[in-house]
Amino acid sequence: MAYEFPVRKIIHVDMDAFYASVEQLDNPDLRGKPVAVGGGAKRGVVAAASYEARKFGVRSAMSGQAAQRNCPELIFVKPRFDRYKEISAKIRAIFLEYTDLVEPLSLDEAYLDVTENKYGNPSATMIAKEIRQKIYDQLGLRASAGISINKFIAKVASDVNKPNGQKTVDPEDVLEFLENLEIRRFYGVGKVTAEKMYQLGIFTGKDLKDKSEEFLLSQFGKSGKFYYQVVRGIHHSTVKPERIPKSVGAERTFSENLSSEIFMLERLEQIAIELQRRLKKNGLAGKTITLKIKYSDFKLQTRAKTLPYFASDRSILLQTAKELLYQDILQNSVRLLGISVSNLNTEQDQEEEKEDTIAVQLQFEF
């Protein structure tokens, strides 16, 4: 029996509670204790939580106040991004010992294509194990990994045996793995989408697979095709060593809620200046400008406008953000404002290349 999958061996490495683990590494007094990076201020937000803190329901993106309520013994530490970047560079250097096809997703995770690797090792499973061991031996940090035939499955698999574990999904096991997977575990299915799928009777991969492509397109638009394909093990995206950003943004959380639009415009000007700096530093410009508003009740709202030309100048960014701010009545006082630019000049002529699929025999070694 053969499966029509591309012949690739992909590893997704994900550091375990990276920011918090670095803080515990550098400060022995924090080891074994519930730690949250960020979130300590009155209006702070948790950037990362140690596994000791997660046992109490502390999660990233949670307000510091809520995290403290969940775990009164929680220790807040300020983020040190220079330190995280320093260690991330060392982790990436380990990846590059095995392959040049490394696609970082963030400071703490990356995809590796080891179909052909520098050691000539035919086992992606063994390579992942070696990499995780090297990270621990050299840096004292734990990592988890997922190994499979494409990026989507590897990403999902890396979460199965966290922390400090790995999961290999062999070609012959792909379909069964996906069919038995809870729908909320599918990468790309967020909380809102999961709730909608539940209402449609979709709770597992098998339920999703039973739906026709036409049905999924009618319910989820373009994403419907993605869901239809990935549940069948189809994901053509290759590992790209240089990831091209789809958007660039800047935002600010305020120490006091803002109810006056005059004060909001002052903050938007500062945000536009920072966004211009980020865009020009990377030689980027975009057509779609999005205003992000988070209200005091944490409700999030976005408003967007697409221009007929590429823009990166702060005056254009600010003027468009102003228009979007006045586009509708504000629903409450505001705790956060942000501006982002998408539909970038890097996206021209970058339609995903389709790959020819080759039959993978059961004996394909992982």
Protein backbone atom coordinates (compact mmCIF):
# COMPACT_ATOMS: atom_id res chain seq x y z
CA MET A 1 0.00 0.00 0.00
CA ALA A 2 1.32 3.47 -0.88
CA TYR A 3 0.41 6.95 0.28
CA GLU A 4 0.51 9.98 -2.01
CA PHE A 5 2.66 12.24 0.15
CA PRO A 6 5.76 14.29 -0.68
CA VAL A 7 8.95 12.51 0.36
CA ARG A 8 10.15 14.86 3.08
CA LYS A 9 11.32 14.51 6.64
CA ILE A 10 10.34 17.56 8.68
CA ILE A 11 11.12 18.30 12.33
CA HIS A 12 9.36 20.98 14.35
CA VAL A 13 11.37 21.91 17.46
CA ASP A 14 9.56 23.88 20.16
CA MET A 15 11.34 25.02 23.30
CA ASP A 16 9.49 24.26 26.53
CA ALA A 17 8.24 27.44 28.26
CA PHE A 18 11.22 29.21 26.72
CA TYR A 19 11.21 32.67 28.33
CA ALA A 20 10.33 31.34 31.77
CA SER A 21 12.84 28.50 31.45
CA VAL A 22 15.61 30.96 30.61
CA GLU A 23 14.75 32.97 33.72
CA GLN A 24 14.84 29.82 35.85
CA LEU A 25 18.14 28.84 34.23
CA ASP A 26 19.78 32.17 35.05
CA ASN A 27 18.27 32.46 38.52
CA PRO A 28 18.40 29.18 40.49
CA ASP A 29 16.06 30.67 43.12
CA LEU A 30 13.24 30.52 40.55
CA ARG A 31 13.63 26.85 39.74
CA GLY A 32 10.66 24.69 40.65
CA LYS A 33 8.52 27.76 41.34
CA PRO A 34 5.60 29.28 39.40
CA VAL A 35 7.10 32.03 37.23
CA ALA A 36 5.49 34.45 34.79
CA VAL A 37 7.48 36.61 32.42
CA GLY A 38 5.84 40.03 32.16
CA GLY A 39 2.42 40.78 33.60
CA GLY A 40 3.69 42.13 36.91
CA ALA A 41 2.50 45.67 36.48
CA LYS A 42 -1.08 46.68 37.26
CA ARG A 43 -1.99 46.41 33.58
CA GLY A 44 0.64 43.94 32.45
CA VAL A 45 0.10 40.87 30.32
CA VAL A 46 1.80 37.49 30.80
CA ALA A 47 4.25 36.81 27.96
CA ALA A 48 5.17 33.31 29.15
CA ALA A 49 4.57 31.03 32.11
CA SER A 50 6.62 28.21 33.60
CA TYR A 51 5.06 24.75 33.78
CA GLU A 52 4.75 25.17 37.54
CA ALA A 53 2.56 28.24 36.88
CA ARG A 54 0.57 26.53 34.12
CA LYS A 55 -0.68 24.00 36.65
CA PHE A 56 -2.68 26.88 38.15
CA GLY A 57 -4.12 27.92 34.80
CA VAL A 58 -1.63 30.72 34.13
CA ARG A 59 -1.20 31.18 30.37
CA SER A 60 0.44 33.60 27.96
CA ALA A 61 -1.70 36.60 26.94
CA MET A 62 -3.48 36.46 30.32
CA SER A 63 -3.61 39.69 32.29
CA GLY A 64 -1.22 39.87 35.22
CA GLN A 65 -4.11 40.43 37.60
CA ALA A 66 -5.93 37.30 36.44
CA ALA A 67 -2.72 35.28 36.64
CA GLN A 68 -2.15 36.46 40.21
CA ARG A 69 -5.69 35.46 41.16
CA ASN A 70 -5.14 31.97 39.73
CA CYS A 71 -1.79 31.61 41.47
CA PRO A 72 -1.20 33.88 44.48
CA GLU A 73 2.39 32.58 44.80
CA LEU A 74 3.20 33.54 41.21
CA ILE A 75 6.56 35.25 40.74
CA PHE A 76 6.66 37.94 38.04
CA VAL A 77 9.92 38.73 36.26
CA LYS A 78 10.61 41.35 33.62
CA PRO A 79 11.31 40.04 30.11
CA ARG A 80 14.91 40.19 28.87
CA PHE A 81 14.58 39.87 25.11
CA ASP A 82 18.27 40.45 24.45
CA ARG A 83 19.01 37.37 26.53
CA TYR A 84 16.31 35.33 24.80
CA LYS A 85 17.68 36.34 21.39
CA GLU A 86 21.20 35.41 22.48
CA ILE A 87 20.13 31.89 23.48
CA SER A 88 17.88 31.55 20.44
CA ALA A 89 20.90 32.20 18.21
CA LYS A 90 22.79 29.39 19.95
CA ILE A 91 19.85 27.03 19.48
CA ARG A 92 19.70 27.91 15.80
CA ALA A 93 23.41 27.20 15.48
CA ILE A 94 22.71 23.65 16.68
CA PHE A 95 19.98 23.29 14.06
CA LEU A 96 22.38 24.45 11.36
CA GLU A 97 24.81 21.68 12.28
CA TYR A 98 22.29 19.29 10.70
CA THR A 99 20.71 21.24 7.85
CA ASP A 100 20.66 24.65 6.22
CA LEU A 101 16.91 24.33 5.71
CA VAL A 102 15.86 25.93 8.99
CA GLU A 103 12.75 28.12 9.15
CA PRO A 104 12.43 30.01 12.45
CA LEU A 105 8.86 30.75 13.51
CA SER A 106 9.89 32.75 16.57
CA LEU A 107 12.73 32.82 19.09
CA ASP A 108 11.63 29.48 20.54
CA GLU A 109 10.51 27.31 17.61
CA ALA A 110 11.55 26.34 14.12
CA TYR A 111 11.03 23.88 11.28
CA LEU A 112 13.92 21.79 9.96
CA ASP A 113 13.93 19.84 6.71
CA VAL A 114 16.31 16.92 7.27
CA THR A 115 15.33 14.88 4.23
CA GLU A 116 18.93 15.41 3.20
CA ASN A 117 21.13 16.37 6.13
CA LYS A 118 24.79 17.08 6.81
CA TYR A 119 25.32 13.84 8.72
CA GLY A 120 23.64 11.64 6.16
CA ASN A 121 21.45 10.24 8.95
CA PRO A 122 18.38 8.54 7.44
CA SER A 123 16.39 8.78 10.69
CA ALA A 124 14.66 12.09 11.37
CA THR A 125 13.57 10.68 14.71
CA MET A 126 17.18 10.15 15.81
CA ILE A 127 18.19 13.61 14.54
CA ALA A 128 15.43 15.21 16.61
CA LYS A 129 16.56 13.28 19.67
CA GLU A 130 20.18 14.35 19.15
CA ILE A 131 19.19 17.99 18.71
CA ARG A 132 17.12 18.03 21.88
CA GLN A 133 19.98 16.42 23.81
CA LYS A 134 22.51 18.93 22.47
CA ILE A 135 20.28 21.83 23.46
CA TYR A 136 20.10 20.47 26.99
CA ASP A 137 23.79 19.59 27.24
CA GLN A 138 25.02 22.92 25.88
CA LEU A 139 22.36 25.32 27.17
CA GLY A 140 20.55 23.53 30.00
CA LEU A 141 17.13 23.96 28.37
CA ARG A 142 14.50 21.41 27.39
CA ALA A 143 12.82 21.16 24.01
CA SER A 144 10.06 19.08 22.45
CA ALA A 145 9.81 17.97 18.83
CA GLY A 146 7.40 16.66 16.25
CA ILE A 147 8.57 14.63 13.25
CA SER A 148 6.58 13.82 10.15
CA ILE A 149 6.13 14.24 6.40
CA ASN A 150 5.19 17.93 6.36
CA LYS A 151 5.21 21.08 8.44
CA PHE A 152 1.58 20.88 9.53
CA ILE A 153 1.78 17.39 11.00
CA ALA A 154 5.20 18.02 12.57
CA LYS A 155 3.85 21.16 14.25
CA VAL A 156 0.84 19.32 15.67
CA ALA A 157 2.98 16.35 16.74
CA SER A 158 5.45 18.51 18.70
CA ASP A 159 2.70 19.31 21.18
CA VAL A 160 1.71 15.69 21.85
CA ASN A 161 4.43 14.75 24.33
CA LYS A 162 5.27 18.15 25.79
CA PRO A 163 7.24 18.97 27.82
CA ASN A 164 10.61 17.37 27.05
CA GLY A 165 9.32 14.79 24.62
CA GLN A 166 8.87 14.07 20.94
CA LYS A 167 6.37 12.40 18.65
CA THR A 168 7.00 10.82 15.25
CA VAL A 169 4.12 10.34 12.86
CA ASP A 170 5.29 7.87 10.22
CA PRO A 171 3.86 8.09 6.68
CA GLU A 172 1.68 5.02 7.15
CA ASP A 173 0.25 6.46 10.39
CA VAL A 174 -0.56 9.95 9.11
CA LEU A 175 -4.21 9.41 8.22
CA GLU A 176 -5.04 7.55 11.44
CA PHE A 177 -3.22 10.19 13.52
CA LEU A 178 -5.19 13.00 11.91
CA GLU A 179 -8.54 11.21 12.10
CA ASN A 180 -8.15 10.61 15.85
CA LEU A 181 -6.96 14.16 16.57
CA GLU A 182 -9.29 16.48 18.47
CA ILE A 183 -10.23 19.35 16.19
CA ARG A 184 -8.95 21.97 18.63
CA ARG A 185 -5.50 20.40 18.30
CA PHE A 186 -5.35 21.17 14.58
CA TYR A 187 -2.84 23.94 13.98
CA GLY A 188 -4.76 26.86 12.47
CA VAL A 189 -8.04 26.09 14.24
CA GLY A 190 -8.49 28.77 16.87
CA LYS A 191 -11.03 28.99 19.67
CA VAL A 192 -13.71 30.72 17.57
CA THR A 193 -13.29 28.30 14.64
CA ALA A 194 -13.34 25.33 16.99
CA GLU A 195 -16.64 26.50 18.50
CA LYS A 196 -18.14 26.82 15.03
CA MET A 197 -16.91 23.34 14.11
CA TYR A 198 -18.47 21.92 17.26
CA GLN A 199 -21.81 23.43 16.22
CA LEU A 200 -21.41 21.69 12.85
CA GLY A 201 -20.75 18.35 14.53
CA ILE A 202 -17.01 18.40 13.87
CA PHE A 203 -15.12 17.24 16.95
CA THR A 204 -12.30 15.12 15.49
CA GLY A 205 -10.25 14.85 12.35
CA LYS A 206 -12.51 12.05 11.19
CA ASP A 207 -15.55 14.30 11.52
CA LEU A 208 -13.74 16.94 9.49
CA LYS A 209 -12.72 14.41 6.85
CA ASP A 210 -16.33 13.35 6.42
CA LYS A 211 -17.26 16.86 5.24
CA SER A 212 -17.04 17.67 1.54
CA GLU A 213 -14.76 20.38 0.22
CA GLU A 214 -17.82 22.32 -0.97
CA PHE A 215 -19.33 22.23 2.51
CA LEU A 216 -16.12 23.44 4.17
CA LEU A 217 -15.69 26.23 1.62
CA SER A 218 -19.26 27.37 2.24
CA GLN A 219 -18.70 27.44 6.01
CA PHE A 220 -15.11 28.68 6.29
CA GLY A 221 -14.30 30.38 2.99
CA LYS A 222 -10.75 29.93 1.71
CA SER A 223 -9.76 28.26 4.98
CA GLY A 224 -12.16 25.46 4.09
CA LYS A 225 -9.78 24.22 1.40
CA PHE A 226 -6.93 24.24 3.90
CA TYR A 227 -8.95 22.15 6.37
CA TYR A 228 -10.03 19.77 3.60
CA GLN A 229 -6.42 19.15 2.56
CA VAL A 230 -4.57 18.98 5.87
CA VAL A 231 -6.91 16.37 7.35
CA ARG A 232 -5.87 14.22 4.38
CA GLY A 233 -2.18 14.82 5.10
CA ILE A 234 -1.78 17.33 2.27
CA HIS A 235 0.32 20.40 3.05
CA HIS A 236 2.61 21.70 0.33
CA SER A 237 4.41 24.47 2.21
CA THR A 238 8.17 23.94 2.15
CA VAL A 239 10.70 24.86 4.84
CA LYS A 240 11.92 28.34 3.92
CA PRO A 241 15.20 29.43 5.57
CA GLU A 242 14.29 33.11 5.12
CA ARG A 243 10.72 33.63 6.26
CA ILE A 244 9.05 36.60 4.62
CA PRO A 245 6.74 38.47 7.02
CA LYS A 246 3.09 38.81 6.04
CA SER A 247 2.61 41.90 8.20
CA VAL A 248 4.50 44.37 10.38
CA GLY A 249 2.95 46.14 13.33
CA ALA A 250 3.46 48.18 16.48
CA GLU A 251 1.17 48.62 19.47
CA ARG A 252 1.01 50.11 22.94
CA THR A 253 -0.82 49.12 26.13
CA PHE A 254 -1.63 52.16 28.27
CA SER A 255 -1.17 52.52 32.02
CA GLU A 256 -4.60 54.18 32.20
CA ASN A 257 -7.60 53.58 29.97
CA LEU A 258 -8.10 56.26 27.33
CA SER A 259 -11.55 57.68 26.71
CA SER A 260 -10.54 60.84 24.84
CA GLU A 261 -9.84 60.53 21.11
CA ILE A 262 -7.39 63.43 21.40
CA PHE A 263 -5.17 61.36 23.70
CA MET A 264 -5.60 58.36 21.39
CA LEU A 265 -4.36 60.38 18.41
CA GLU A 266 -1.25 61.36 20.36
CA ARG A 267 -0.52 57.69 21.06
CA LEU A 268 -1.25 56.71 17.46
CA GLU A 269 1.34 59.22 16.28
CA GLN A 270 3.97 57.56 18.49
CA ILE A 271 2.93 54.13 17.22
CA ALA A 272 3.10 55.31 13.59
CA ILE A 273 6.65 56.58 14.13
CA GLU A 274 7.74 53.21 15.53
CA LEU A 275 5.98 51.32 12.74
CA GLN A 276 7.67 53.47 10.09
CA ARG A 277 11.04 52.66 11.68
CA ARG A 278 10.35 48.92 11.57
CA LEU A 279 9.14 49.02 7.97
CA LYS A 280 12.05 51.06 6.65
CA LYS A 281 14.58 49.01 8.58
CA ASN A 282 13.43 45.97 6.59
CA GLY A 283 12.75 47.74 3.31
CA LEU A 284 9.03 46.99 3.52
CA ALA A 285 5.83 48.79 2.58
CA GLY A 286 2.23 47.65 2.40
CA LYS A 287 -1.19 48.49 1.04
CA THR A 288 -3.47 47.33 3.87
CA ILE A 289 -3.39 49.31 7.11
CA THR A 290 -5.15 47.88 10.15
CA LEU A 291 -6.05 49.64 13.37
CA LYS A 292 -6.24 47.41 16.43
CA ILE A 293 -8.32 48.51 19.41
CA LYS A 294 -8.52 46.63 22.69
CA TYR A 295 -11.13 48.00 25.07
CA SER A 296 -11.02 48.10 28.86
CA ASP A 297 -13.26 45.00 28.94
CA PHE A 298 -10.60 43.21 26.78
CA LYS A 299 -12.87 43.10 23.75
CA LEU A 300 -10.74 43.31 20.61
CA GLN A 301 -11.72 45.16 17.46
CA THR A 302 -9.86 45.69 14.16
CA ARG A 303 -10.60 48.13 11.37
CA ALA A 304 -8.73 48.01 8.06
CA LYS A 305 -8.32 49.99 4.85
CA THR A 306 -6.51 48.98 1.67
CA LEU A 307 -4.73 51.74 -0.25
CA PRO A 308 -4.12 51.73 -4.02
CA TYR A 309 -0.37 52.05 -3.39
CA PHE A 310 2.35 50.74 -1.05
CA ALA A 311 2.97 52.90 2.00
CA SER A 312 5.51 53.05 4.81
CA ASP A 313 5.61 56.77 5.65
CA ARG A 314 4.39 57.65 9.12
CA SER A 315 2.17 60.49 7.84
CA ILE A 316 0.21 58.07 5.64
CA LEU A 317 0.09 55.45 8.39
CA LEU A 318 -1.16 58.02 10.89
CA GLN A 319 -3.70 59.60 8.56
CA THR A 320 -5.18 56.21 7.69
CA ALA A 321 -5.23 55.17 11.35
CA LYS A 322 -7.10 58.40 12.16
CA GLU A 323 -9.70 57.66 9.50
CA LEU A 324 -10.17 54.18 10.92
CA LEU A 325 -10.45 55.52 14.47
CA TYR A 326 -13.25 57.88 13.43
CA GLN A 327 -14.87 55.24 11.24
CA ASP A 328 -17.15 54.07 14.06
CA ILE A 329 -18.10 55.02 17.59
CA LEU A 330 -15.79 53.59 20.24
CA GLN A 331 -17.55 50.97 22.34
CA ASN A 332 -15.71 51.64 25.60
CA SER A 333 -12.57 53.19 27.02
CA VAL A 334 -9.39 51.89 25.37
CA ARG A 335 -6.45 50.03 26.95
CA LEU A 336 -4.44 49.24 23.80
CA LEU A 337 -3.96 50.67 20.31
CA GLY A 338 -1.96 49.20 17.47
CA ILE A 339 -1.28 49.78 13.79
CA SER A 340 -0.16 47.08 11.39
CA VAL A 341 0.64 46.96 7.68
CA SER A 342 -0.03 43.91 5.51
CA ASN A 343 -0.40 43.11 1.82
CA LEU A 344 3.33 43.83 1.69
CA ASN A 345 5.51 44.51 -1.33
CA THR A 346 7.22 41.16 -0.68
CA GLU A 347 4.03 39.25 -1.49
CA GLN A 348 4.06 40.00 -5.20
CA ASP A 349 4.56 36.95 -7.32
CA GLN A 350 4.83 34.73 -4.24
CA GLU A 351 1.99 32.33 -4.83
CA GLU A 352 2.80 29.05 -3.14
CA GLU A 353 4.48 26.66 -5.55
CA LYS A 354 2.74 23.35 -5.83
CA GLU A 355 4.86 20.27 -5.45
CA ASP A 356 4.60 17.01 -7.25
CA THR A 357 3.73 14.22 -4.86
CA ILE A 358 5.52 10.93 -4.87
CA ALA A 359 4.25 7.67 -3.49
CA VAL A 360 5.77 6.92 -0.10
CA GLN A 361 6.14 3.23 0.61
CA LEU A 362 5.52 1.86 4.08
CA GLN A 363 9.20 1.16 4.55
CA PHE A 364 10.11 4.88 4.22
CA GLU A 365 12.39 5.33 7.22
CA PHE A 366 11.57 7.91 9.85
